[in-house]
Amino acid sequence: NLRLLLGSHFTDPGKKLLFMGGEFGQVREWAHESSLDWDLLAQAPHAGMLRWVSDLNRLYRAEPALHELDCEAEGFRWLRHDDADNSTASYLRYSRSGEAILVALNMTPIPREHYSLGVPSGGSWQELLNSDAEFYGGSGVGNLGQVTAVEEDWGGLPFRVEVTLPPLGIVAFKASG
């Protein structure tokens, strides 16, 4: 799933690279002798991909946790990287001020409901992005915009959230307030 791949790329540490045509899911390899296949934007999956990449770019610029500590260990923390049974991965990205973005990926076509993850603070966590949202071309499986953290130690963090991981999808959350 290209939305999952690009979502991971934009939320992982490191600099970002997107080849021409990737922003709308061009099928053929780009060639300098011809123009991009802009006519693909008339098709819903390609228009959804363009919206997805636009929103990824917007989030990347707006959230310091996704870029400030890009090359420093303090900017990244694995939550679950060894959940082979569910084919998931999750991590936190941190800004210099300590704000965190929670990112979780589901690499199977099976939604993962009530999936527990540790977070550094309590209260509401707003769903910033969900690659499975219908307006991106997904099936609409998600978290209704937010989840609530409960005070319970999970993986060395003082709070825990239960999230729904969409099929072949990626979600990102940030503490509200």
C-alpha atoms as a PDB file:
ATOM      1  CA  ASN A   1       0.000   0.000   0.000  1.00  0.00           C
ATOM      2  CA  LEU A   2       1.611   3.236  -1.145  1.00  0.00           C
ATOM      3  CA  ARG A   3      -0.179   5.333   1.521  1.00  0.00           C
ATOM      4  CA  LEU A   4       1.339   3.133   4.262  1.00  0.00           C
ATOM      5  CA  LEU A   5       4.801   3.335   2.698  1.00  0.00           C
ATOM      6  CA  LEU A   6       4.750   7.115   2.267  1.00  0.00           C
ATOM      7  CA  GLY A   7       3.248   7.648   5.723  1.00  0.00           C
ATOM      8  CA  SER A   8       6.068   5.657   7.269  1.00  0.00           C
ATOM      9  CA  HIS A   9       8.637   7.560   5.202  1.00  0.00           C
ATOM     10  CA  PHE A  10       7.303  10.963   6.305  1.00  0.00           C
ATOM     11  CA  THR A  11       7.165  10.026  10.010  1.00  0.00           C
ATOM     12  CA  ASP A  12      10.463   8.094  10.227  1.00  0.00           C
ATOM     13  CA  PRO A  13      13.639   9.958  11.156  1.00  0.00           C
ATOM     14  CA  GLY A  14      15.740  11.225   8.277  1.00  0.00           C
ATOM     15  CA  LYS A  15      15.353  13.469   5.284  1.00  0.00           C
ATOM     16  CA  LYS A  16      12.471  12.989   2.880  1.00  0.00           C
ATOM     17  CA  LEU A  17      12.606  12.188  -0.815  1.00  0.00           C
ATOM     18  CA  LEU A  18       9.698  11.836  -3.219  1.00  0.00           C
ATOM     19  CA  PHE A  19      10.215  11.134  -6.905  1.00  0.00           C
ATOM     20  CA  MET A  20       8.235  13.039  -9.520  1.00  0.00           C
ATOM     21  CA  GLY A  21       4.803  11.492  -9.937  1.00  0.00           C
ATOM     22  CA  GLY A  22       4.921   9.814  -6.542  1.00  0.00           C
ATOM     23  CA  GLU A  23       2.682  12.497  -5.093  1.00  0.00           C
ATOM     24  CA  PHE A  24      -0.272  11.123  -7.061  1.00  0.00           C
ATOM     25  CA  GLY A  25       0.750   7.495  -7.552  1.00  0.00           C
ATOM     26  CA  GLN A  26       1.947   7.589 -11.142  1.00  0.00           C
ATOM     27  CA  VAL A  27       2.123   4.000 -12.376  1.00  0.00           C
ATOM     28  CA  ARG A  28       4.912   4.228 -14.926  1.00  0.00           C
ATOM     29  CA  GLU A  29       8.436   5.327 -14.132  1.00  0.00           C
ATOM     30  CA  TRP A  30       9.067   9.017 -14.712  1.00  0.00           C
ATOM     31  CA  ALA A  31      10.938   9.813 -17.929  1.00  0.00           C
ATOM     32  CA  HIS A  32      12.396  13.222 -18.698  1.00  0.00           C
ATOM     33  CA  GLU A  33      11.292  12.933 -22.354  1.00  0.00           C
ATOM     34  CA  SER A  34       7.591  13.144 -21.450  1.00  0.00           C
ATOM     35  CA  SER A  35       5.355  14.857 -18.946  1.00  0.00           C
ATOM     36  CA  LEU A  36       3.886  13.295 -15.843  1.00  0.00           C
ATOM     37  CA  ASP A  37       0.564  11.451 -16.195  1.00  0.00           C
ATOM     38  CA  TRP A  38      -1.504  14.274 -14.686  1.00  0.00           C
ATOM     39  CA  ASP A  39      -4.663  12.829 -16.275  1.00  0.00           C
ATOM     40  CA  LEU A  40      -4.527  10.104 -13.582  1.00  0.00           C
ATOM     41  CA  LEU A  41      -5.858  12.686 -11.105  1.00  0.00           C
ATOM     42  CA  ALA A  42      -9.298  12.196 -12.671  1.00  0.00           C
ATOM     43  CA  GLN A  43      -9.324   8.758 -11.010  1.00  0.00           C
ATOM     44  CA  ALA A  44     -10.300   8.611  -7.324  1.00  0.00           C
ATOM     45  CA  PRO A  45      -7.321   6.526  -6.089  1.00  0.00           C
ATOM     46  CA  HIS A  46      -4.825   8.971  -7.588  1.00  0.00           C
ATOM     47  CA  ALA A  47      -6.687  12.043  -6.325  1.00  0.00           C
ATOM     48  CA  GLY A  48      -6.768  10.429  -2.863  1.00  0.00           C
ATOM     49  CA  MET A  49      -3.028   9.850  -3.033  1.00  0.00           C
ATOM     50  CA  LEU A  50      -2.417  13.509  -3.868  1.00  0.00           C
ATOM     51  CA  ARG A  51      -4.547  14.544  -0.841  1.00  0.00           C
ATOM     52  CA  TRP A  52      -2.579  12.080   1.329  1.00  0.00           C
ATOM     53  CA  VAL A  53       0.822  13.441   0.266  1.00  0.00           C
ATOM     54  CA  SER A  54      -0.416  17.031   0.694  1.00  0.00           C
ATOM     55  CA  ASP A  55      -1.579  16.256   4.229  1.00  0.00           C
ATOM     56  CA  LEU A  56       1.687  14.441   5.041  1.00  0.00           C
ATOM     57  CA  ASN A  57       3.642  17.504   3.907  1.00  0.00           C
ATOM     58  CA  ARG A  58       1.393  19.813   5.916  1.00  0.00           C
ATOM     59  CA  LEU A  59       1.784  17.688   9.066  1.00  0.00           C
ATOM     60  CA  TYR A  60       5.549  17.377   8.600  1.00  0.00           C
ATOM     61  CA  ARG A  61       5.904  21.173   8.448  1.00  0.00           C
ATOM     62  CA  ALA A  62       3.483  21.830  11.313  1.00  0.00           C
ATOM     63  CA  GLU A  63       4.791  19.311  13.839  1.00  0.00           C
ATOM     64  CA  PRO A  64       8.318  19.921  15.154  1.00  0.00           C
ATOM     65  CA  ALA A  65       8.428  16.365  16.540  1.00  0.00           C
ATOM     66  CA  LEU A  66       8.622  15.078  12.975  1.00  0.00           C
ATOM     67  CA  HIS A  67      11.679  17.115  11.990  1.00  0.00           C
ATOM     68  CA  GLU A  68      13.448  18.977  14.812  1.00  0.00           C
ATOM     69  CA  LEU A  69      15.462  16.059  16.205  1.00  0.00           C
ATOM     70  CA  ASP A  70      15.703  14.166  12.931  1.00  0.00           C
ATOM     71  CA  CYS A  71      19.335  13.140  13.405  1.00  0.00           C
ATOM     72  CA  GLU A  72      19.384  12.787  17.196  1.00  0.00           C
ATOM     73  CA  ALA A  73      18.505   9.730  19.261  1.00  0.00           C
ATOM     74  CA  GLU A  74      16.310  11.840  21.587  1.00  0.00           C
ATOM     75  CA  GLY A  75      13.877  12.415  18.726  1.00  0.00           C
ATOM     76  CA  PHE A  76      12.820   8.770  18.329  1.00  0.00           C
ATOM     77  CA  ARG A  77      11.626   5.933  20.575  1.00  0.00           C
ATOM     78  CA  TRP A  78      10.414   2.515  19.497  1.00  0.00           C
ATOM     79  CA  LEU A  79       7.224   1.341  21.181  1.00  0.00           C
ATOM     80  CA  ARG A  80       6.644  -1.967  19.408  1.00  0.00           C
ATOM     81  CA  HIS A  81       9.040  -3.165  16.759  1.00  0.00           C
ATOM     82  CA  ASP A  82       8.848  -6.882  17.490  1.00  0.00           C
ATOM     83  CA  ASP A  83       5.127  -7.638  17.081  1.00  0.00           C
ATOM     84  CA  ALA A  84       5.578 -10.127  14.241  1.00  0.00           C
ATOM     85  CA  ASP A  85       2.346 -11.935  15.147  1.00  0.00           C
ATOM     86  CA  ASN A  86       0.305  -8.848  14.218  1.00  0.00           C
ATOM     87  CA  SER A  87       2.745  -7.347  11.667  1.00  0.00           C
ATOM     88  CA  THR A  88       2.699  -3.940  13.340  1.00  0.00           C
ATOM     89  CA  ALA A  89       5.256  -1.347  14.327  1.00  0.00           C
ATOM     90  CA  SER A  90       4.903   1.778  16.444  1.00  0.00           C
ATOM     91  CA  TYR A  91       7.096   4.582  17.680  1.00  0.00           C
ATOM     92  CA  LEU A  92       7.156   8.038  19.212  1.00  0.00           C
ATOM     93  CA  ARG A  93       8.781  11.086  17.630  1.00  0.00           C
ATOM     94  CA  TYR A  94       9.787  13.961  19.935  1.00  0.00           C
ATOM     95  CA  SER A  95      10.369  17.677  19.489  1.00  0.00           C
ATOM     96  CA  ARG A  96      13.003  19.668  21.408  1.00  0.00           C
ATOM     97  CA  SER A  97      10.293  20.830  23.819  1.00  0.00           C
ATOM     98  CA  GLY A  98       9.260  17.228  24.530  1.00  0.00           C
ATOM     99  CA  GLU A  99       6.034  17.142  22.515  1.00  0.00           C
ATOM    100  CA  ALA A 100       5.398  13.663  21.155  1.00  0.00           C
ATOM    101  CA  ILE A 101       3.762  12.243  18.055  1.00  0.00           C
ATOM    102  CA  LEU A 102       2.619   8.618  18.295  1.00  0.00           C
ATOM    103  CA  VAL A 103       2.843   6.682  15.019  1.00  0.00           C
ATOM    104  CA  ALA A 104       1.501   3.161  14.498  1.00  0.00           C
ATOM    105  CA  LEU A 105       1.564   0.985  11.371  1.00  0.00           C
ATOM    106  CA  ASN A 106      -0.438  -2.117  10.509  1.00  0.00           C
ATOM    107  CA  MET A 107       1.105  -4.063   7.653  1.00  0.00           C
ATOM    108  CA  THR A 108      -1.752  -6.542   7.192  1.00  0.00           C
ATOM    109  CA  PRO A 109      -5.218  -6.271   5.612  1.00  0.00           C
ATOM    110  CA  ILE A 110      -6.745  -7.120   9.022  1.00  0.00           C
ATOM    111  CA  PRO A 111      -7.765  -4.169  11.263  1.00  0.00           C
ATOM    112  CA  ARG A 112      -6.240  -4.334  14.762  1.00  0.00           C
ATOM    113  CA  GLU A 113      -8.756  -3.104  17.338  1.00  0.00           C
ATOM    114  CA  HIS A 114      -7.996  -2.330  20.999  1.00  0.00           C
ATOM    115  CA  TYR A 115      -4.282  -2.277  20.248  1.00  0.00           C
ATOM    116  CA  SER A 116      -2.432  -1.038  23.350  1.00  0.00           C
ATOM    117  CA  LEU A 117       0.488   1.367  23.151  1.00  0.00           C
ATOM    118  CA  GLY A 118       2.362   3.407  25.732  1.00  0.00           C
ATOM    119  CA  VAL A 119       2.344   7.199  25.652  1.00  0.00           C
ATOM    120  CA  PRO A 120       4.122   9.818  27.766  1.00  0.00           C
ATOM    121  CA  SER A 121       1.043  11.802  28.829  1.00  0.00           C
ATOM    122  CA  GLY A 122      -2.591  11.289  29.740  1.00  0.00           C
ATOM    123  CA  GLY A 123      -5.791  12.761  28.400  1.00  0.00           C
ATOM    124  CA  SER A 124      -6.989  12.904  24.817  1.00  0.00           C
ATOM    125  CA  TRP A 125      -4.739  12.088  21.892  1.00  0.00           C
ATOM    126  CA  GLN A 126      -5.985  13.562  18.622  1.00  0.00           C
ATOM    127  CA  GLU A 127      -5.750  11.440  15.484  1.00  0.00           C
ATOM    128  CA  LEU A 128      -3.741  13.689  13.162  1.00  0.00           C
ATOM    129  CA  LEU A 129      -3.593  11.329  10.201  1.00  0.00           C
ATOM    130  CA  ASN A 130      -5.196   8.071   9.177  1.00  0.00           C
ATOM    131  CA  SER A 131      -4.158   6.640   5.818  1.00  0.00           C
ATOM    132  CA  ASP A 132      -7.355   4.569   5.691  1.00  0.00           C
ATOM    133  CA  ALA A 133      -9.679   7.590   5.728  1.00  0.00           C
ATOM    134  CA  GLU A 134     -12.222   7.424   2.913  1.00  0.00           C
ATOM    135  CA  PHE A 135     -11.109  10.743   1.393  1.00  0.00           C
ATOM    136  CA  TYR A 136      -7.689   9.182   0.748  1.00  0.00           C
ATOM    137  CA  GLY A 137      -9.279   6.141  -0.878  1.00  0.00           C
ATOM    138  CA  GLY A 138      -9.344   3.956   2.232  1.00  0.00           C
ATOM    139  CA  SER A 139     -12.094   1.942   3.893  1.00  0.00           C
ATOM    140  CA  GLY A 140     -12.732   4.384   6.756  1.00  0.00           C
ATOM    141  CA  VAL A 141     -11.460   2.295   9.697  1.00  0.00           C
ATOM    142  CA  GLY A 142     -10.142   4.591  12.411  1.00  0.00           C
ATOM    143  CA  ASN A 143     -10.397   6.080  15.872  1.00  0.00           C
ATOM    144  CA  LEU A 144     -13.190   8.652  15.419  1.00  0.00           C
ATOM    145  CA  GLY A 145     -10.658  11.448  15.706  1.00  0.00           C
ATOM    146  CA  GLN A 146      -9.147  10.679  19.100  1.00  0.00           C
ATOM    147  CA  VAL A 147      -8.292   8.183  21.812  1.00  0.00           C
ATOM    148  CA  THR A 148      -7.964   8.669  25.576  1.00  0.00           C
ATOM    149  CA  ALA A 149      -4.883   7.698  27.549  1.00  0.00           C
ATOM    150  CA  VAL A 150      -5.344   5.983  30.905  1.00  0.00           C
ATOM    151  CA  GLU A 151      -2.819   6.050  33.714  1.00  0.00           C
ATOM    152  CA  GLU A 152      -1.289   2.616  33.418  1.00  0.00           C
ATOM    153  CA  ASP A 153       2.363   1.796  32.844  1.00  0.00           C
ATOM    154  CA  TRP A 154       2.978   0.358  29.403  1.00  0.00           C
ATOM    155  CA  GLY A 155       6.445  -0.320  28.046  1.00  0.00           C
ATOM    156  CA  GLY A 156       8.146   2.058  30.465  1.00  0.00           C
ATOM    157  CA  LEU A 157       5.728   4.902  29.760  1.00  0.00           C
ATOM    158  CA  PRO A 158       3.237   6.104  32.395  1.00  0.00           C
ATOM    159  CA  PHE A 159       0.093   6.015  30.225  1.00  0.00           C
ATOM    160  CA  ARG A 160      -1.571   3.653  27.782  1.00  0.00           C
ATOM    161  CA  VAL A 161      -3.907   4.181  24.837  1.00  0.00           C
ATOM    162  CA  GLU A 162      -5.971   1.657  22.915  1.00  0.00           C
ATOM    163  CA  VAL A 163      -6.062   2.415  19.225  1.00  0.00           C
ATOM    164  CA  THR A 164      -7.592   0.892  16.139  1.00  0.00           C
ATOM    165  CA  LEU A 165      -4.980   0.223  13.501  1.00  0.00           C
ATOM    166  CA  PRO A 166      -6.578   0.342  10.058  1.00  0.00           C
ATOM    167  CA  PRO A 167      -5.828  -2.370   7.500  1.00  0.00           C
ATOM    168  CA  LEU A 168      -2.591  -1.742   5.590  1.00  0.00           C
ATOM    169  CA  GLY A 169      -2.541   1.635   7.275  1.00  0.00           C
ATOM    170  CA  ILE A 170      -0.742   4.155   9.391  1.00  0.00           C
ATOM    171  CA  VAL A 171      -2.149   6.465  12.070  1.00  0.00           C
ATOM    172  CA  ALA A 172      -0.532   9.378  13.911  1.00  0.00           C
ATOM    173  CA  PHE A 173      -1.656  10.974  17.181  1.00  0.00           C
ATOM    174  CA  LYS A 174      -0.715  13.964  19.321  1.00  0.00           C
ATOM    175  CA  ALA A 175      -1.732  14.811  22.881  1.00  0.00           C
ATOM    176  CA  SER A 176      -4.460  17.476  22.926  1.00  0.00           C
ATOM    177  CA  GLY A 177      -3.518  20.269  25.273  1.00  0.00           C
END
